[in-house]
PDB file of N, CA and C in Angstrom:
ATOM      1  N   MET A   1     -49.110 -18.439 -26.574  1.00  0.00           N
ATOM      2  CA  MET A   1     -49.370 -19.528 -25.667  1.00  0.00           C
ATOM      3  C   MET A   1     -48.454 -19.380 -24.454  1.00  0.00           C
ATOM      4  N   ALA A   2     -48.953 -19.703 -23.299  1.00  0.00           N
ATOM      5  CA  ALA A   2     -48.184 -19.628 -22.054  1.00  0.00           C
ATOM      6  C   ALA A   2     -47.864 -21.031 -21.563  1.00  0.00           C
ATOM      7  N   THR A   3     -46.769 -21.129 -20.850  1.00  0.00           N
ATOM      8  CA  THR A   3     -46.371 -22.367 -20.192  1.00  0.00           C
ATOM      9  C   THR A   3     -46.577 -22.165 -18.699  1.00  0.00           C
ATOM     10  N   VAL A   4     -47.278 -23.096 -18.059  1.00  0.00           N
ATOM     11  CA  VAL A   4     -47.534 -23.007 -16.624  1.00  0.00           C
ATOM     12  C   VAL A   4     -46.679 -24.051 -15.922  1.00  0.00           C
ATOM     13  N   LEU A   5     -45.990 -23.593 -14.871  1.00  0.00           N
ATOM     14  CA  LEU A   5     -45.143 -24.510 -14.119  1.00  0.00           C
ATOM     15  C   LEU A   5     -45.019 -24.058 -12.680  1.00  0.00           C
ATOM     16  N   ARG A   6     -44.499 -24.949 -11.858  1.00  0.00           N
ATOM     17  CA  ARG A   6     -44.235 -24.590 -10.464  1.00  0.00           C
ATOM     18  C   ARG A   6     -43.044 -23.632 -10.450  1.00  0.00           C
ATOM     19  N   GLY A   7     -43.239 -22.485  -9.834  1.00  0.00           N
ATOM     20  CA  GLY A   7     -42.195 -21.483  -9.792  1.00  0.00           C
ATOM     21  C   GLY A   7     -41.135 -21.795  -8.761  1.00  0.00           C
ATOM     22  N   ASP A   8     -40.006 -21.139  -8.916  1.00  0.00           N
ATOM     23  CA  ASP A   8     -38.919 -21.254  -7.947  1.00  0.00           C
ATOM     24  C   ASP A   8     -38.370 -19.857  -7.674  1.00  0.00           C
ATOM     25  N   ASP A   9     -37.242 -19.788  -6.989  1.00  0.00           N
ATOM     26  CA  ASP A   9     -36.672 -18.491  -6.617  1.00  0.00           C
ATOM     27  C   ASP A   9     -36.419 -17.592  -7.830  1.00  0.00           C
ATOM     28  N   SER A  10     -36.144 -18.183  -8.975  1.00  0.00           N
ATOM     29  CA  SER A  10     -35.864 -17.385 -10.173  1.00  0.00           C
ATOM     30  C   SER A  10     -37.109 -16.675 -10.708  1.00  0.00           C
ATOM     31  N   HIS A  11     -38.299 -17.042 -10.218  1.00  0.00           N
ATOM     32  CA  HIS A  11     -39.549 -16.451 -10.704  1.00  0.00           C
ATOM     33  C   HIS A  11     -40.132 -15.408  -9.750  1.00  0.00           C
ATOM     34  N   VAL A  12     -39.525 -15.233  -8.587  1.00  0.00           N
ATOM     35  CA  VAL A  12     -40.083 -14.316  -7.587  1.00  0.00           C
ATOM     36  C   VAL A  12     -40.101 -12.878  -8.107  1.00  0.00           C
ATOM     37  N   GLY A  13     -39.040 -12.449  -8.755  1.00  0.00           N
ATOM     38  CA  GLY A  13     -39.008 -11.089  -9.305  1.00  0.00           C
ATOM     39  C   GLY A  13     -40.089 -10.865 -10.342  1.00  0.00           C
ATOM     40  N   GLY A  14     -40.304 -11.849 -11.203  1.00  0.00           N
ATOM     41  CA  GLY A  14     -41.357 -11.735 -12.218  1.00  0.00           C
ATOM     42  C   GLY A  14     -42.736 -11.689 -11.591  1.00  0.00           C
ATOM     43  N   ALA A  15     -42.952 -12.517 -10.579  1.00  0.00           N
ATOM     44  CA  ALA A  15     -44.238 -12.495  -9.874  1.00  0.00           C
ATOM     45  C   ALA A  15     -44.441 -11.149  -9.187  1.00  0.00           C
ATOM     46  N   ALA A  16     -43.376 -10.618  -8.588  1.00  0.00           N
ATOM     47  CA  ALA A  16     -43.471  -9.314  -7.922  1.00  0.00           C
ATOM     48  C   ALA A  16     -43.788  -8.212  -8.921  1.00  0.00           C
ATOM     49  N   ARG A  17     -43.204  -8.294 -10.118  1.00  0.00           N
ATOM     50  CA  ARG A  17     -43.478  -7.297 -11.158  1.00  0.00           C
ATOM     51  C   ARG A  17     -44.936  -7.378 -11.605  1.00  0.00           C
ATOM     52  N   VAL A  18     -45.428  -8.591 -11.832  1.00  0.00           N
ATOM     53  CA  VAL A  18     -46.823  -8.757 -12.243  1.00  0.00           C
ATOM     54  C   VAL A  18     -47.755  -8.256 -11.147  1.00  0.00           C
ATOM     55  N   TRP A  19     -47.440  -8.583  -9.885  1.00  0.00           N
ATOM     56  CA  TRP A  19     -48.268  -8.106  -8.769  1.00  0.00           C
ATOM     57  C   TRP A  19     -48.304  -6.585  -8.750  1.00  0.00           C
ATOM     58  N   ALA A  20     -47.150  -5.949  -8.909  1.00  0.00           N
ATOM     59  CA  ALA A  20     -47.080  -4.487  -8.863  1.00  0.00           C
ATOM     60  C   ALA A  20     -47.870  -3.864 -10.018  1.00  0.00           C
ATOM     61  N   GLU A  21     -47.739  -4.427 -11.213  1.00  0.00           N
ATOM     62  CA  GLU A  21     -48.473  -3.914 -12.371  1.00  0.00           C
ATOM     63  C   GLU A  21     -49.978  -4.089 -12.202  1.00  0.00           C
ATOM     64  N   ALA A  22     -50.387  -5.264 -11.720  1.00  0.00           N
ATOM     65  CA  ALA A  22     -51.813  -5.532 -11.530  1.00  0.00           C
ATOM     66  C   ALA A  22     -52.402  -4.643 -10.441  1.00  0.00           C
ATOM     67  N   THR A  23     -51.644  -4.430  -9.367  1.00  0.00           N
ATOM     68  CA  THR A  23     -52.121  -3.579  -8.284  1.00  0.00           C
ATOM     69  C   THR A  23     -52.272  -2.136  -8.759  1.00  0.00           C
ATOM     70  N   ALA A  24     -51.294  -1.646  -9.513  1.00  0.00           N
ATOM     71  CA  ALA A  24     -51.381  -0.283 -10.048  1.00  0.00           C
ATOM     72  C   ALA A  24     -52.579  -0.153 -10.987  1.00  0.00           C
ATOM     73  N   ALA A  25     -52.800  -1.148 -11.844  1.00  0.00           N
ATOM     74  CA  ALA A  25     -53.941  -1.109 -12.762  1.00  0.00           C
ATOM     75  C   ALA A  25     -55.258  -1.131 -11.991  1.00  0.00           C
ATOM     76  N   ARG A  26     -55.347  -1.978 -10.985  1.00  0.00           N
ATOM     77  CA  ARG A  26     -56.559  -2.058 -10.176  1.00  0.00           C
ATOM     78  C   ARG A  26     -56.870  -0.733  -9.503  1.00  0.00           C
ATOM     79  N   ASP A  27     -55.823  -0.098  -9.001  1.00  0.00           N
ATOM     80  CA  ASP A  27     -55.992   1.146  -8.254  1.00  0.00           C
ATOM     81  C   ASP A  27     -56.017   2.390  -9.138  1.00  0.00           C
ATOM     82  N   GLY A  28     -55.835   2.208 -10.445  1.00  0.00           N
ATOM     83  CA  GLY A  28     -55.802   3.354 -11.348  1.00  0.00           C
ATOM     84  C   GLY A  28     -54.580   4.233 -11.113  1.00  0.00           C
ATOM     85  N   ASP A  29     -53.518   3.647 -10.619  1.00  0.00           N
ATOM     86  CA  ASP A  29     -52.299   4.378 -10.290  1.00  0.00           C
ATOM     87  C   ASP A  29     -51.317   4.272 -11.453  1.00  0.00           C
ATOM     88  N   PRO A  30     -50.865   5.391 -12.018  1.00  0.00           N
ATOM     89  CA  PRO A  30     -49.912   5.315 -13.130  1.00  0.00           C
ATOM     90  C   PRO A  30     -48.515   4.863 -12.691  1.00  0.00           C
ATOM     91  N   ASP A  31     -48.234   4.930 -11.394  1.00  0.00           N
ATOM     92  CA  ASP A  31     -46.925   4.526 -10.888  1.00  0.00           C
ATOM     93  C   ASP A  31     -46.964   3.076 -10.414  1.00  0.00           C
ATOM     94  N   VAL A  32     -46.092   2.262 -10.979  1.00  0.00           N
ATOM     95  CA  VAL A  32     -45.975   0.859 -10.595  1.00  0.00           C
ATOM     96  C   VAL A  32     -44.900   0.761  -9.516  1.00  0.00           C
ATOM     97  N   ALA A  33     -45.208   0.043  -8.443  1.00  0.00           N
ATOM     98  CA  ALA A  33     -44.249  -0.115  -7.346  1.00  0.00           C
ATOM     99  C   ALA A  33     -42.965  -0.765  -7.858  1.00  0.00           C
ATOM    100  N   PRO A  34     -41.815  -0.287  -7.385  1.00  0.00           N
ATOM    101  CA  PRO A  34     -40.548  -0.911  -7.784  1.00  0.00           C
ATOM    102  C   PRO A  34     -40.389  -2.280  -7.128  1.00  0.00           C
ATOM    103  N   LEU A  35     -39.504  -3.092  -7.701  1.00  0.00           N
ATOM    104  CA  LEU A  35     -39.285  -4.438  -7.178  1.00  0.00           C
ATOM    105  C   LEU A  35     -38.847  -4.439  -5.724  1.00  0.00           C
ATOM    106  N   GLU A  36     -38.094  -3.439  -5.293  1.00  0.00           N
ATOM    107  CA  GLU A  36     -37.658  -3.440  -3.891  1.00  0.00           C
ATOM    108  C   GLU A  36     -38.840  -3.278  -2.938  1.00  0.00           C
ATOM    109  N   ASP A  37     -39.975  -2.782  -3.436  1.00  0.00           N
ATOM    110  CA  ASP A  37     -41.194  -2.690  -2.617  1.00  0.00           C
ATOM    111  C   ASP A  37     -42.086  -3.916  -2.787  1.00  0.00           C
ATOM    112  N   SER A  38     -42.175  -4.444  -4.012  1.00  0.00           N
ATOM    113  CA  SER A  38     -43.113  -5.537  -4.273  1.00  0.00           C
ATOM    114  C   SER A  38     -42.542  -6.922  -3.974  1.00  0.00           C
ATOM    115  N   ARG A  39     -41.257  -7.106  -4.137  1.00  0.00           N
ATOM    116  CA  ARG A  39     -40.650  -8.422  -3.904  1.00  0.00           C
ATOM    117  C   ARG A  39     -40.857  -8.916  -2.464  1.00  0.00           C
ATOM    118  N   PRO A  40     -40.698  -8.065  -1.430  1.00  0.00           N
ATOM    119  CA  PRO A  40     -40.917  -8.556  -0.057  1.00  0.00           C
ATOM    120  C   PRO A  40     -42.343  -9.030   0.198  1.00  0.00           C
ATOM    121  N   ILE A  41     -43.307  -8.475  -0.503  1.00  0.00           N
ATOM    122  CA  ILE A  41     -44.703  -8.898  -0.333  1.00  0.00           C
ATOM    123  C   ILE A  41     -44.863 -10.341  -0.806  1.00  0.00           C
ATOM    124  N   ILE A  42     -44.275 -10.649  -1.947  1.00  0.00           N
ATOM    125  CA  ILE A  42     -44.333 -12.010  -2.486  1.00  0.00           C
ATOM    126  C   ILE A  42     -43.505 -12.947  -1.595  1.00  0.00           C
ATOM    127  N   ALA A  43     -42.314 -12.509  -1.231  1.00  0.00           N
ATOM    128  CA  ALA A  43     -41.419 -13.347  -0.422  1.00  0.00           C
ATOM    129  C   ALA A  43     -42.035 -13.689   0.929  1.00  0.00           C
ATOM    130  N   ARG A  44     -42.782 -12.764   1.511  1.00  0.00           N
ATOM    131  CA  ARG A  44     -43.401 -13.003   2.824  1.00  0.00           C
ATOM    132  C   ARG A  44     -44.349 -14.203   2.770  1.00  0.00           C
ATOM    133  N   VAL A  45     -45.080 -14.345   1.681  1.00  0.00           N
ATOM    134  CA  VAL A  45     -45.973 -15.502   1.527  1.00  0.00           C
ATOM    135  C   VAL A  45     -45.149 -16.760   1.268  1.00  0.00           C
ATOM    136  N   LEU A  46     -44.175 -16.660   0.374  1.00  0.00           N
ATOM    137  CA  LEU A  46     -43.396 -17.842  -0.001  1.00  0.00           C
ATOM    138  C   LEU A  46     -42.476 -18.328   1.112  1.00  0.00           C
ATOM    139  N   ASP A  47     -42.222 -17.488   2.096  1.00  0.00           N
ATOM    140  CA  ASP A  47     -41.399 -17.908   3.235  1.00  0.00           C
ATOM    141  C   ASP A  47     -42.144 -18.831   4.190  1.00  0.00           C
ATOM    142  N   ARG A  48     -43.462 -18.937   4.045  1.00  0.00           N
ATOM    143  CA  ARG A  48     -44.226 -19.844   4.909  1.00  0.00           C
ATOM    144  C   ARG A  48     -43.921 -21.287   4.533  1.00  0.00           C
ATOM    145  N   PRO A  49     -43.725 -22.154   5.503  1.00  0.00           N
ATOM    146  CA  PRO A  49     -43.521 -23.571   5.179  1.00  0.00           C
ATOM    147  C   PRO A  49     -44.711 -24.104   4.383  1.00  0.00           C
ATOM    148  N   GLY A  50     -44.423 -24.822   3.331  1.00  0.00           N
ATOM    149  CA  GLY A  50     -45.474 -25.412   2.511  1.00  0.00           C
ATOM    150  C   GLY A  50     -46.017 -24.506   1.424  1.00  0.00           C
ATOM    151  N   ALA A  51     -45.495 -23.294   1.297  1.00  0.00           N
ATOM    152  CA  ALA A  51     -45.987 -22.367   0.274  1.00  0.00           C
ATOM    153  C   ALA A  51     -45.622 -22.866  -1.119  1.00  0.00           C
ATOM    154  N   VAL A  52     -46.504 -22.577  -2.080  1.00  0.00           N
ATOM    155  CA  VAL A  52     -46.302 -22.992  -3.466  1.00  0.00           C
ATOM    156  C   VAL A  52     -46.531 -21.786  -4.373  1.00  0.00           C
ATOM    157  N   LEU A  53     -45.658 -21.643  -5.359  1.00  0.00           N
ATOM    158  CA  LEU A  53     -45.782 -20.609  -6.389  1.00  0.00           C
ATOM    159  C   LEU A  53     -45.976 -21.297  -7.727  1.00  0.00           C
ATOM    160  N   ALA A  54     -46.988 -20.900  -8.469  1.00  0.00           N
ATOM    161  CA  ALA A  54     -47.185 -21.355  -9.843  1.00  0.00           C
ATOM    162  C   ALA A  54     -47.099 -20.128 -10.737  1.00  0.00           C
ATOM    163  N   VAL A  55     -46.424 -20.268 -11.863  1.00  0.00           N
ATOM    164  CA  VAL A  55     -46.257 -19.151 -12.778  1.00  0.00           C
ATOM    165  C   VAL A  55     -46.657 -19.556 -14.187  1.00  0.00           C
ATOM    166  N   ALA A  56     -47.121 -18.571 -14.936  1.00  0.00           N
ATOM    167  CA  ALA A  56     -47.342 -18.730 -16.366  1.00  0.00           C
ATOM    168  C   ALA A  56     -46.279 -17.901 -17.056  1.00  0.00           C
ATOM    169  N   LEU A  57     -45.552 -18.526 -17.978  1.00  0.00           N
ATOM    170  CA  LEU A  57     -44.479 -17.861 -18.705  1.00  0.00           C
ATOM    171  C   LEU A  57     -44.881 -17.675 -20.168  1.00  0.00           C
ATOM    172  N   ASP A  58     -44.544 -16.502 -20.723  1.00  0.00           N
ATOM    173  CA  ASP A  58     -44.806 -16.281 -22.138  1.00  0.00           C
ATOM    174  C   ASP A  58     -43.694 -16.948 -22.958  1.00  0.00           C
ATOM    175  N   GLN A  59     -43.710 -16.756 -24.266  1.00  0.00           N
ATOM    176  CA  GLN A  59     -42.722 -17.408 -25.124  1.00  0.00           C
ATOM    177  C   GLN A  59     -41.307 -16.910 -24.867  1.00  0.00           C
ATOM    178  N   GLY A  60     -41.179 -15.735 -24.239  1.00  0.00           N
ATOM    179  CA  GLY A  60     -39.869 -15.218 -23.874  1.00  0.00           C
ATOM    180  C   GLY A  60     -39.459 -15.597 -22.465  1.00  0.00           C
ATOM    181  N   ASN A  61     -40.200 -16.512 -21.852  1.00  0.00           N
ATOM    182  CA  ASN A  61     -39.961 -16.985 -20.478  1.00  0.00           C
ATOM    183  C   ASN A  61     -40.110 -15.888 -19.431  1.00  0.00           C
ATOM    184  N   GLN A  62     -40.958 -14.901 -19.713  1.00  0.00           N
ATOM    185  CA  GLN A  62     -41.273 -13.861 -18.747  1.00  0.00           C
ATOM    186  C   GLN A  62     -42.546 -14.251 -18.008  1.00  0.00           C
ATOM    187  N   VAL A  63     -42.593 -13.999 -16.705  1.00  0.00           N
ATOM    188  CA  VAL A  63     -43.794 -14.297 -15.918  1.00  0.00           C
ATOM    189  C   VAL A  63     -44.904 -13.348 -16.362  1.00  0.00           C
ATOM    190  N   VAL A  64     -46.051 -13.919 -16.747  1.00  0.00           N
ATOM    191  CA  VAL A  64     -47.201 -13.117 -17.165  1.00  0.00           C
ATOM    192  C   VAL A  64     -48.379 -13.274 -16.209  1.00  0.00           C
ATOM    193  N   ALA A  65     -48.322 -14.275 -15.351  1.00  0.00           N
ATOM    194  CA  ALA A  65     -49.362 -14.500 -14.349  1.00  0.00           C
ATOM    195  C   ALA A  65     -48.780 -15.418 -13.289  1.00  0.00           C
ATOM    196  N   PHE A  66     -49.374 -15.366 -12.100  1.00  0.00           N
ATOM    197  CA  PHE A  66     -48.901 -16.251 -11.050  1.00  0.00           C
ATOM    198  C   PHE A  66     -50.016 -16.491 -10.047  1.00  0.00           C
ATOM    199  N   ALA A  67     -49.843 -17.555  -9.282  1.00  0.00           N
ATOM    200  CA  ALA A  67     -50.723 -17.861  -8.151  1.00  0.00           C
ATOM    201  C   ALA A  67     -49.832 -18.399  -7.052  1.00  0.00           C
ATOM    202  N   MET A  68     -50.208 -18.110  -5.813  1.00  0.00           N
ATOM    203  CA  MET A  68     -49.500 -18.648  -4.661  1.00  0.00           C
ATOM    204  C   MET A  68     -50.523 -19.241  -3.711  1.00  0.00           C
ATOM    205  N   ALA A  69     -50.131 -20.312  -3.069  1.00  0.00           N
ATOM    206  CA  ALA A  69     -50.946 -20.891  -1.998  1.00  0.00           C
ATOM    207  C   ALA A  69     -50.010 -21.179  -0.841  1.00  0.00           C
ATOM    208  N   ALA A  70     -50.507 -20.973   0.353  1.00  0.00           N
ATOM    209  CA  ALA A  70     -49.700 -21.214   1.552  1.00  0.00           C
ATOM    210  C   ALA A  70     -50.627 -21.576   2.693  1.00  0.00           C
ATOM    211  N   PRO A  71     -50.103 -22.353   3.642  1.00  0.00           N
ATOM    212  CA  PRO A  71     -50.918 -22.654   4.815  1.00  0.00           C
ATOM    213  C   PRO A  71     -51.389 -21.357   5.475  1.00  0.00           C
ATOM    214  N   ALA A  72     -52.627 -21.362   5.875  1.00  0.00           N
ATOM    215  CA  ALA A  72     -53.182 -20.196   6.565  1.00  0.00           C
ATOM    216  C   ALA A  72     -52.575 -20.118   7.961  1.00  0.00           C
ATOM    217  N   PRO A  73     -52.557 -18.944   8.539  1.00  0.00           N
ATOM    218  CA  PRO A  73     -52.037 -18.830   9.911  1.00  0.00           C
ATOM    219  C   PRO A  73     -52.746 -19.801  10.855  1.00  0.00           C
ATOM    220  N   ALA A  74     -52.022 -20.292  11.818  1.00  0.00           N
ATOM    221  CA  ALA A  74     -52.518 -21.215  12.844  1.00  0.00           C
ATOM    222  C   ALA A  74     -52.974 -22.541  12.255  1.00  0.00           C
ATOM    223  N   GLY A  75     -52.470 -22.910  11.064  1.00  0.00           N
ATOM    224  CA  GLY A  75     -52.768 -24.206  10.472  1.00  0.00           C
ATOM    225  C   GLY A  75     -54.220 -24.421  10.120  1.00  0.00           C
ATOM    226  N   ALA A  76     -54.929 -23.369   9.761  1.00  0.00           N
ATOM    227  CA  ALA A  76     -56.356 -23.464   9.466  1.00  0.00           C
ATOM    228  C   ALA A  76     -56.624 -23.879   8.024  1.00  0.00           C
ATOM    229  N   GLY A  77     -55.707 -24.609   7.399  1.00  0.00           N
ATOM    230  CA  GLY A  77     -55.908 -25.044   6.022  1.00  0.00           C
ATOM    231  C   GLY A  77     -55.033 -24.242   5.084  1.00  0.00           C
ATOM    232  N   TYR A  78     -55.409 -24.203   3.818  1.00  0.00           N
ATOM    233  CA  TYR A  78     -54.644 -23.458   2.820  1.00  0.00           C
ATOM    234  C   TYR A  78     -55.413 -22.228   2.419  1.00  0.00           C
ATOM    235  N   GLY A  79     -54.662 -21.206   2.106  1.00  0.00           N
ATOM    236  CA  GLY A  79     -55.245 -19.985   1.582  1.00  0.00           C
ATOM    237  C   GLY A  79     -54.592 -19.678   0.257  1.00  0.00           C
ATOM    238  N   VAL A  80     -55.214 -18.851  -0.529  1.00  0.00           N
ATOM    239  CA  VAL A  80     -54.640 -18.382  -1.780  1.00  0.00           C
ATOM    240  C   VAL A  80     -54.425 -16.890  -1.616  1.00  0.00           C
ATOM    241  N   PRO A  81     -53.249 -16.504  -1.083  1.00  0.00           N
ATOM    242  CA  PRO A  81     -53.023 -15.088  -0.820  1.00  0.00           C
ATOM    243  C   PRO A  81     -53.063 -14.226  -2.079  1.00  0.00           C
ATOM    244  N   PHE A  82     -52.568 -14.733  -3.201  1.00  0.00           N
ATOM    245  CA  PHE A  82     -52.548 -13.943  -4.425  1.00  0.00           C
ATOM    246  C   PHE A  82     -52.862 -14.828  -5.609  1.00  0.00           C
ATOM    247  N   LEU A  83     -53.647 -14.317  -6.508  1.00  0.00           N
ATOM    248  CA  LEU A  83     -53.915 -14.940  -7.794  1.00  0.00           C
ATOM    249  C   LEU A  83     -54.038 -13.774  -8.752  1.00  0.00           C
ATOM    250  N   THR A  84     -53.069 -13.590  -9.623  1.00  0.00           N
ATOM    251  CA  THR A  84     -53.071 -12.383 -10.428  1.00  0.00           C
ATOM    252  C   THR A  84     -52.397 -12.593 -11.773  1.00  0.00           C
ATOM    253  N   GLY A  85     -52.767 -11.766 -12.685  1.00  0.00           N
ATOM    254  CA  GLY A  85     -52.119 -11.699 -13.980  1.00  0.00           C
ATOM    255  C   GLY A  85     -52.479 -10.378 -14.614  1.00  0.00           C
ATOM    256  N   HIS A  86     -51.540  -9.794 -15.313  1.00  0.00           N
ATOM    257  CA  HIS A  86     -51.835  -8.493 -15.889  1.00  0.00           C
ATOM    258  C   HIS A  86     -51.165  -8.230 -17.219  1.00  0.00           C
ATOM    259  N   ARG A  87     -50.080  -8.903 -17.508  1.00  0.00           N
ATOM    260  CA  ARG A  87     -49.323  -8.588 -18.712  1.00  0.00           C
ATOM    261  C   ARG A  87     -50.180  -8.744 -19.951  1.00  0.00           C
ATOM    262  N   ARG A  88     -50.196  -7.725 -20.789  1.00  0.00           N
ATOM    263  CA  ARG A  88     -50.988  -7.779 -22.040  1.00  0.00           C
ATOM    264  C   ARG A  88     -50.087  -7.878 -23.226  1.00  0.00           C
TER     265      ARG A  88
END
C-alpha cells in the first residue's frame, strides 16, 4: 500500500529518481540519468510560484510515484508538467 501526500523539499530527490527511471524505461535506455542530471528538471518546475508536488510513498517511505502541477507560462492556467511512476 502507498501513502499519498503533498511533497516537500525532502521528496525532490525521490521524484527525480522516479522520473529518471521512468524516462529510461520509456526510452528503452539501460542507463538511468544520475540525480545531478534529473534533479534540476524537477526543481525547474517546482521553482515556479504556485507549483505543487504530490508523492506516493511505499512502506519504506521511498517515493514510488509523483505528480507536479504548476501555473503555465504567462498565467494561462495550470499545467501538469509531469505525472509519472515506475518503481516495481
